[in-house]
Amino acid sequence: MPQPPNYHADFIENGIYHVYSRTNNKEPLFKSDENRLYFLRQYDKYLHPFVDTFCWNLLPNHFHFMVQVKSSEAIKEYLIQLPPQLLKTPEKEFLADEGSTGKLLELEWKRFFNSYSMAFNKQHGRKGNLFHRPFKRVEVDKDSHFTQTVIYIHANAQRHKICKDFTLHKWSSWHTLLSGISTKLKRQQLMDWFGGKDRFIQTHKEMTDYYYQVQTEIEE
């Protein structure tokens, strides 16, 4: 996959991003399905008020999300409902139109990472930083990059030889997107983008090998 020019893009209102990170020294990020479920719950708690999610994938020592930053109005509507004494400085500044979307989103991602790391460390008797810093976020600003990123994320387990067929990997948004269950994922937007469910499936299967055979790939 073509290497992005900026691994630490600034978050902007309505911007679309591929966000990913790995653990230090490629340690396990999860040791059980319970860990994975907790990771997703914490993501929902800390990030859903600020971003909409297109897709995701959880791998043994890293993760991928593709998200779109919500509008400033939607974010303010959420923040204004919180007790003022619980607001962090970037949140207060954002409400007062004195802070940037980028600074706010960096705070929320770090709070998510910290919440998971603290729980993981406590459960497994571990100390120190779990995630490699700084976390990476690449702006998805072209139509071709959008399609490519969705497929890259869903097929990541196949790339790392965790399974021969990425559709067999349990911990990705692929299964939820194709199901009829209620979801916060931007399912309809993705299906419309690919031209419907059948084209969504077909394009993934046709393009997976191509995207993973190119010389330069995303660093993980």
C-alpha atoms as a PDB file:
ATOM      1  CA  MET A   1       0.000   0.000   0.000  1.00  0.00           C
ATOM      2  CA  PRO A   2       1.491   3.434  -0.886  1.00  0.00           C
ATOM      3  CA  GLN A   3       3.236   4.951   2.101  1.00  0.00           C
ATOM      4  CA  PRO A   4       1.398   8.048   3.387  1.00  0.00           C
ATOM      5  CA  PRO A   5       3.441  11.273   3.561  1.00  0.00           C
ATOM      6  CA  ASN A   6       2.201  12.177   7.045  1.00  0.00           C
ATOM      7  CA  TYR A   7       1.725   9.633   9.800  1.00  0.00           C
ATOM      8  CA  HIS A   8       0.642  12.279  12.299  1.00  0.00           C
ATOM      9  CA  ALA A   9      -1.969  14.292  10.426  1.00  0.00           C
ATOM     10  CA  ASP A  10      -3.867  16.987  12.291  1.00  0.00           C
ATOM     11  CA  PHE A  11      -7.486  16.095  13.029  1.00  0.00           C
ATOM     12  CA  ILE A  12      -9.949  18.533  11.468  1.00  0.00           C
ATOM     13  CA  GLU A  13     -13.732  18.790  11.484  1.00  0.00           C
ATOM     14  CA  ASN A  14     -15.344  16.188   9.176  1.00  0.00           C
ATOM     15  CA  GLY A  15     -11.919  14.830   8.205  1.00  0.00           C
ATOM     16  CA  ILE A  16     -11.541  11.110   7.519  1.00  0.00           C
ATOM     17  CA  TYR A  17      -8.583   9.246   9.026  1.00  0.00           C
ATOM     18  CA  HIS A  18      -6.939   5.869   9.224  1.00  0.00           C
ATOM     19  CA  VAL A  19      -5.870   5.590  12.873  1.00  0.00           C
ATOM     20  CA  TYR A  20      -3.629   2.784  14.023  1.00  0.00           C
ATOM     21  CA  SER A  21      -1.025   1.878  16.590  1.00  0.00           C
ATOM     22  CA  ARG A  22       0.879  -1.090  17.930  1.00  0.00           C
ATOM     23  CA  THR A  23       2.268  -2.131  21.259  1.00  0.00           C
ATOM     24  CA  ASN A  24       5.794  -1.499  22.448  1.00  0.00           C
ATOM     25  CA  ASN A  25       8.180  -4.271  21.367  1.00  0.00           C
ATOM     26  CA  LYS A  26       5.253  -6.019  19.673  1.00  0.00           C
ATOM     27  CA  GLU A  27       3.915  -7.282  22.988  1.00  0.00           C
ATOM     28  CA  PRO A  28       0.404  -8.767  22.989  1.00  0.00           C
ATOM     29  CA  LEU A  29      -2.318  -6.119  22.890  1.00  0.00           C
ATOM     30  CA  PHE A  30      -4.915  -8.702  23.901  1.00  0.00           C
ATOM     31  CA  LYS A  31      -4.665 -11.914  25.881  1.00  0.00           C
ATOM     32  CA  SER A  32      -8.320 -12.888  25.720  1.00  0.00           C
ATOM     33  CA  ASP A  33     -11.589 -12.114  23.979  1.00  0.00           C
ATOM     34  CA  GLU A  34     -12.568 -10.350  27.186  1.00  0.00           C
ATOM     35  CA  ASN A  35      -9.688  -7.922  26.546  1.00  0.00           C
ATOM     36  CA  ARG A  36     -10.867  -7.344  22.979  1.00  0.00           C
ATOM     37  CA  LEU A  37     -14.442  -6.670  24.047  1.00  0.00           C
ATOM     38  CA  TYR A  38     -13.256  -4.272  26.737  1.00  0.00           C
ATOM     39  CA  PHE A  39     -11.059  -2.481  24.176  1.00  0.00           C
ATOM     40  CA  LEU A  40     -14.071  -1.957  21.915  1.00  0.00           C
ATOM     41  CA  ARG A  41     -16.251  -0.813  24.808  1.00  0.00           C
ATOM     42  CA  GLN A  42     -13.654   1.753  25.855  1.00  0.00           C
ATOM     43  CA  TYR A  43     -13.332   2.912  22.261  1.00  0.00           C
ATOM     44  CA  ASP A  44     -17.078   3.442  22.153  1.00  0.00           C
ATOM     45  CA  LYS A  45     -17.014   5.297  25.468  1.00  0.00           C
ATOM     46  CA  TYR A  46     -14.147   7.653  24.687  1.00  0.00           C
ATOM     47  CA  LEU A  47     -14.238   8.090  20.905  1.00  0.00           C
ATOM     48  CA  HIS A  48     -17.804   7.637  19.680  1.00  0.00           C
ATOM     49  CA  PRO A  49     -18.871  11.103  20.937  1.00  0.00           C
ATOM     50  CA  PHE A  50     -16.188  12.625  18.698  1.00  0.00           C
ATOM     51  CA  VAL A  51     -15.905  10.382  15.628  1.00  0.00           C
ATOM     52  CA  ASP A  52     -18.044   8.175  13.413  1.00  0.00           C
ATOM     53  CA  THR A  53     -16.492   4.825  12.560  1.00  0.00           C
ATOM     54  CA  PHE A  54     -16.388   3.214   9.135  1.00  0.00           C
ATOM     55  CA  CYS A  55     -14.436   0.065   9.956  1.00  0.00           C
ATOM     56  CA  TRP A  56     -11.949  -1.506  12.355  1.00  0.00           C
ATOM     57  CA  ASN A  57      -9.709  -4.493  12.920  1.00  0.00           C
ATOM     58  CA  LEU A  58      -8.041  -5.915  16.029  1.00  0.00           C
ATOM     59  CA  LEU A  59      -4.827  -7.887  15.528  1.00  0.00           C
ATOM     60  CA  PRO A  60      -2.569  -9.567  18.121  1.00  0.00           C
ATOM     61  CA  ASN A  61      -0.324  -6.545  18.711  1.00  0.00           C
ATOM     62  CA  HIS A  62      -1.974  -3.662  16.879  1.00  0.00           C
ATOM     63  CA  PHE A  63      -5.284  -2.216  15.723  1.00  0.00           C
ATOM     64  CA  HIS A  64      -6.795  -0.212  12.857  1.00  0.00           C
ATOM     65  CA  PHE A  65      -9.753   2.191  12.764  1.00  0.00           C
ATOM     66  CA  MET A  66     -11.089   4.313   9.918  1.00  0.00           C
ATOM     67  CA  VAL A  67     -13.053   7.244  11.298  1.00  0.00           C
ATOM     68  CA  GLN A  68     -14.610  10.575  10.409  1.00  0.00           C
ATOM     69  CA  VAL A  69     -14.416  13.455  12.867  1.00  0.00           C
ATOM     70  CA  LYS A  70     -17.865  14.727  13.780  1.00  0.00           C
ATOM     71  CA  SER A  71     -18.976  18.311  13.191  1.00  0.00           C
ATOM     72  CA  SER A  72     -18.009  20.950  15.731  1.00  0.00           C
ATOM     73  CA  GLU A  73     -21.697  21.424  16.519  1.00  0.00           C
ATOM     74  CA  ALA A  74     -22.203  17.738  17.334  1.00  0.00           C
ATOM     75  CA  ILE A  75     -19.100  17.656  19.513  1.00  0.00           C
ATOM     76  CA  LYS A  76     -20.153  20.773  21.413  1.00  0.00           C
ATOM     77  CA  GLU A  77     -23.640  19.354  21.945  1.00  0.00           C
ATOM     78  CA  TYR A  78     -22.019  16.372  23.632  1.00  0.00           C
ATOM     79  CA  LEU A  79     -19.510  18.327  25.721  1.00  0.00           C
ATOM     80  CA  ILE A  80     -22.020  20.865  26.993  1.00  0.00           C
ATOM     81  CA  GLN A  81     -24.023  18.045  28.582  1.00  0.00           C
ATOM     82  CA  LEU A  82     -21.086  16.921  30.723  1.00  0.00           C
ATOM     83  CA  PRO A  83     -20.525  18.234  34.268  1.00  0.00           C
ATOM     84  CA  PRO A  84     -18.169  21.240  33.911  1.00  0.00           C
ATOM     85  CA  GLN A  85     -15.891  19.936  36.657  1.00  0.00           C
ATOM     86  CA  LEU A  86     -15.194  16.800  34.604  1.00  0.00           C
ATOM     87  CA  LEU A  87     -14.070  18.657  31.483  1.00  0.00           C
ATOM     88  CA  LYS A  88     -10.384  18.606  30.592  1.00  0.00           C
ATOM     89  CA  THR A  89      -8.648  21.798  29.454  1.00  0.00           C
ATOM     90  CA  PRO A  90      -8.808  21.009  25.688  1.00  0.00           C
ATOM     91  CA  GLU A  91     -12.545  20.316  26.068  1.00  0.00           C
ATOM     92  CA  LYS A  92     -13.154  23.602  27.868  1.00  0.00           C
ATOM     93  CA  GLU A  93     -11.135  25.459  25.249  1.00  0.00           C
ATOM     94  CA  PHE A  94     -13.067  23.798  22.437  1.00  0.00           C
ATOM     95  CA  LEU A  95     -16.397  24.833  23.944  1.00  0.00           C
ATOM     96  CA  ALA A  96     -15.118  28.398  24.267  1.00  0.00           C
ATOM     97  CA  ASP A  97     -13.908  28.406  20.617  1.00  0.00           C
ATOM     98  CA  GLU A  98     -10.380  28.804  21.900  1.00  0.00           C
ATOM     99  CA  GLY A  99      -9.072  25.339  21.138  1.00  0.00           C
ATOM    100  CA  SER A 100      -8.555  23.249  18.022  1.00  0.00           C
ATOM    101  CA  THR A 101     -10.258  20.076  16.892  1.00  0.00           C
ATOM    102  CA  GLY A 102      -6.841  18.493  16.560  1.00  0.00           C
ATOM    103  CA  LYS A 103      -5.870  19.115  20.164  1.00  0.00           C
ATOM    104  CA  LEU A 104      -9.238  17.870  21.391  1.00  0.00           C
ATOM    105  CA  LEU A 105      -9.119  14.636  19.371  1.00  0.00           C
ATOM    106  CA  GLU A 106      -5.560  13.874  20.455  1.00  0.00           C
ATOM    107  CA  LEU A 107      -6.750  14.155  24.060  1.00  0.00           C
ATOM    108  CA  GLU A 108      -9.660  11.770  23.521  1.00  0.00           C
ATOM    109  CA  TRP A 109      -7.535   9.136  21.770  1.00  0.00           C
ATOM    110  CA  LYS A 110      -4.949   9.301  24.550  1.00  0.00           C
ATOM    111  CA  ARG A 111      -7.643   8.953  27.202  1.00  0.00           C
ATOM    112  CA  PHE A 112      -8.848   5.841  25.396  1.00  0.00           C
ATOM    113  CA  PHE A 113      -5.342   4.377  25.228  1.00  0.00           C
ATOM    114  CA  ASN A 114      -4.684   5.144  28.877  1.00  0.00           C
ATOM    115  CA  SER A 115      -7.963   3.638  30.063  1.00  0.00           C
ATOM    116  CA  TYR A 116      -7.283   0.374  28.253  1.00  0.00           C
ATOM    117  CA  SER A 117      -3.606   0.249  29.245  1.00  0.00           C
ATOM    118  CA  MET A 118      -4.353   0.742  32.933  1.00  0.00           C
ATOM    119  CA  ALA A 119      -6.943  -2.040  32.963  1.00  0.00           C
ATOM    120  CA  PHE A 120      -4.741  -4.394  30.899  1.00  0.00           C
ATOM    121  CA  ASN A 121      -1.712  -3.765  33.104  1.00  0.00           C
ATOM    122  CA  LYS A 122      -3.699  -4.336  36.272  1.00  0.00           C
ATOM    123  CA  GLN A 123      -5.221  -7.570  35.017  1.00  0.00           C
ATOM    124  CA  HIS A 124      -1.963  -9.017  33.730  1.00  0.00           C
ATOM    125  CA  GLY A 125       0.502  -7.672  36.316  1.00  0.00           C
ATOM    126  CA  ARG A 126       2.213  -5.463  33.790  1.00  0.00           C
ATOM    127  CA  LYS A 127       3.806  -2.018  34.179  1.00  0.00           C
ATOM    128  CA  GLY A 128       4.691   0.806  31.809  1.00  0.00           C
ATOM    129  CA  ASN A 129       3.408   2.092  28.478  1.00  0.00           C
ATOM    130  CA  LEU A 130       1.528  -0.480  26.427  1.00  0.00           C
ATOM    131  CA  PHE A 131       1.213   1.479  23.180  1.00  0.00           C
ATOM    132  CA  HIS A 132       3.987   2.729  20.958  1.00  0.00           C
ATOM    133  CA  ARG A 133       3.925   6.537  20.885  1.00  0.00           C
ATOM    134  CA  PRO A 134       2.881   8.671  19.146  1.00  0.00           C
ATOM    135  CA  PHE A 135      -0.104   6.894  17.629  1.00  0.00           C
ATOM    136  CA  LYS A 136      -0.474   7.201  13.860  1.00  0.00           C
ATOM    137  CA  ARG A 137      -3.257   8.852  11.918  1.00  0.00           C
ATOM    138  CA  VAL A 138      -3.288   9.317   8.161  1.00  0.00           C
ATOM    139  CA  GLU A 139      -5.802  11.587   6.464  1.00  0.00           C
ATOM    140  CA  VAL A 140      -7.892   9.824   3.820  1.00  0.00           C
ATOM    141  CA  ASP A 141      -8.403  12.628   1.335  1.00  0.00           C
ATOM    142  CA  LYS A 142      -8.851  10.882  -2.027  1.00  0.00           C
ATOM    143  CA  ASP A 143     -11.571   8.572  -3.340  1.00  0.00           C
ATOM    144  CA  SER A 144      -9.056   5.863  -4.247  1.00  0.00           C
ATOM    145  CA  HIS A 145      -7.446   6.116  -0.814  1.00  0.00           C
ATOM    146  CA  PHE A 146     -10.849   5.686   0.844  1.00  0.00           C
ATOM    147  CA  THR A 147     -11.558   2.410  -0.955  1.00  0.00           C
ATOM    148  CA  GLN A 148      -8.019   1.199  -0.433  1.00  0.00           C
ATOM    149  CA  THR A 149      -8.042   1.922   3.297  1.00  0.00           C
ATOM    150  CA  VAL A 150     -11.305   0.076   3.938  1.00  0.00           C
ATOM    151  CA  ILE A 151      -9.999  -3.024   2.172  1.00  0.00           C
ATOM    152  CA  TYR A 152      -6.556  -2.751   3.759  1.00  0.00           C
ATOM    153  CA  ILE A 153      -8.067  -2.658   7.236  1.00  0.00           C
ATOM    154  CA  HIS A 154     -10.477  -5.548   6.700  1.00  0.00           C
ATOM    155  CA  ALA A 155      -7.850  -7.771   5.069  1.00  0.00           C
ATOM    156  CA  ASN A 156      -5.085  -7.065   7.574  1.00  0.00           C
ATOM    157  CA  ALA A 157      -5.284 -10.459   9.284  1.00  0.00           C
ATOM    158  CA  GLN A 158      -4.633 -12.113   5.926  1.00  0.00           C
ATOM    159  CA  ARG A 159      -1.634  -9.887   5.344  1.00  0.00           C
ATOM    160  CA  HIS A 160      -0.119 -10.965   8.652  1.00  0.00           C
ATOM    161  CA  LYS A 161      -0.898 -14.626   7.895  1.00  0.00           C
ATOM    162  CA  ILE A 162      -3.187 -14.915  10.907  1.00  0.00           C
ATOM    163  CA  CYS A 163      -5.599 -16.625   8.552  1.00  0.00           C
ATOM    164  CA  LYS A 164      -5.595 -17.552   4.870  1.00  0.00           C
ATOM    165  CA  ASP A 165      -8.871 -15.744   4.246  1.00  0.00           C
ATOM    166  CA  PHE A 166      -9.531 -12.417   5.983  1.00  0.00           C
ATOM    167  CA  THR A 167     -13.253 -13.189   6.149  1.00  0.00           C
ATOM    168  CA  LEU A 168     -12.431 -15.892   8.728  1.00  0.00           C
ATOM    169  CA  HIS A 169     -10.895 -13.374  11.122  1.00  0.00           C
ATOM    170  CA  LYS A 170     -13.418 -12.819  13.890  1.00  0.00           C
ATOM    171  CA  TRP A 171     -12.263  -9.455  15.221  1.00  0.00           C
ATOM    172  CA  SER A 172     -13.004  -7.006  12.449  1.00  0.00           C
ATOM    173  CA  SER A 173     -15.967  -4.918  11.367  1.00  0.00           C
ATOM    174  CA  TRP A 174     -16.390  -7.050   8.242  1.00  0.00           C
ATOM    175  CA  HIS A 175     -18.912  -9.349   9.911  1.00  0.00           C
ATOM    176  CA  THR A 176     -20.990  -6.591  11.498  1.00  0.00           C
ATOM    177  CA  LEU A 177     -21.145  -4.615   8.270  1.00  0.00           C
ATOM    178  CA  LEU A 178     -22.511  -7.616   6.385  1.00  0.00           C
ATOM    179  CA  SER A 179     -24.983  -8.553   9.088  1.00  0.00           C
ATOM    180  CA  GLY A 180     -28.384  -7.092   9.788  1.00  0.00           C
ATOM    181  CA  ILE A 181     -27.664  -6.264  13.417  1.00  0.00           C
ATOM    182  CA  SER A 182     -27.902  -2.713  14.683  1.00  0.00           C
ATOM    183  CA  THR A 183     -24.566  -0.916  14.633  1.00  0.00           C
ATOM    184  CA  LYS A 184     -22.986   2.493  15.138  1.00  0.00           C
ATOM    185  CA  LEU A 185     -20.732   1.854  12.147  1.00  0.00           C
ATOM    186  CA  LYS A 186     -21.353   3.934   9.014  1.00  0.00           C
ATOM    187  CA  ARG A 187     -22.671   0.822   7.296  1.00  0.00           C
ATOM    188  CA  GLN A 188     -25.014   2.459   4.804  1.00  0.00           C
ATOM    189  CA  GLN A 189     -22.414   5.008   3.735  1.00  0.00           C
ATOM    190  CA  LEU A 190     -19.924   2.217   3.046  1.00  0.00           C
ATOM    191  CA  MET A 191     -22.412   0.104   1.130  1.00  0.00           C
ATOM    192  CA  ASP A 192     -23.439   3.107  -0.951  1.00  0.00           C
ATOM    193  CA  TRP A 193     -19.774   3.908  -1.603  1.00  0.00           C
ATOM    194  CA  PHE A 194     -19.014   0.434  -2.927  1.00  0.00           C
ATOM    195  CA  GLY A 195     -22.283   0.177  -4.841  1.00  0.00           C
ATOM    196  CA  GLY A 196     -24.170  -2.203  -2.576  1.00  0.00           C
ATOM    197  CA  LYS A 197     -23.466  -5.269  -0.458  1.00  0.00           C
ATOM    198  CA  ASP A 198     -22.560  -7.573  -3.353  1.00  0.00           C
ATOM    199  CA  ARG A 199     -20.088  -5.068  -4.792  1.00  0.00           C
ATOM    200  CA  PHE A 200     -18.692  -4.462  -1.308  1.00  0.00           C
ATOM    201  CA  ILE A 201     -17.863  -8.161  -1.000  1.00  0.00           C
ATOM    202  CA  GLN A 202     -16.663  -8.551  -4.578  1.00  0.00           C
ATOM    203  CA  THR A 203     -14.344  -5.526  -4.482  1.00  0.00           C
ATOM    204  CA  HIS A 204     -12.729  -6.718  -1.253  1.00  0.00           C
ATOM    205  CA  LYS A 205     -12.048 -10.149  -2.714  1.00  0.00           C
ATOM    206  CA  GLU A 206     -10.772  -8.766  -6.012  1.00  0.00           C
ATOM    207  CA  MET A 207      -8.503  -6.086  -4.542  1.00  0.00           C
ATOM    208  CA  THR A 208      -7.077  -7.690  -1.388  1.00  0.00           C
ATOM    209  CA  ASP A 209      -4.154  -9.426  -3.091  1.00  0.00           C
ATOM    210  CA  TYR A 210      -3.391  -6.363  -5.206  1.00  0.00           C
ATOM    211  CA  TYR A 211      -3.154  -4.009  -2.250  1.00  0.00           C
ATOM    212  CA  TYR A 212      -0.907  -6.379  -0.319  1.00  0.00           C
ATOM    213  CA  GLN A 213       1.430  -7.206  -3.185  1.00  0.00           C
ATOM    214  CA  VAL A 214       2.567  -3.638  -3.833  1.00  0.00           C
ATOM    215  CA  GLN A 215       6.127  -2.796  -2.839  1.00  0.00           C
ATOM    216  CA  THR A 216       5.485  -0.085  -0.257  1.00  0.00           C
ATOM    217  CA  GLU A 217       3.034  -0.751   2.540  1.00  0.00           C
ATOM    218  CA  ILE A 218       1.755   0.973   5.633  1.00  0.00           C
ATOM    219  CA  GLU A 219       4.170   0.633   8.495  1.00  0.00           C
ATOM    220  CA  GLU A 220       2.702  -1.226  11.464  1.00  0.00           C
END
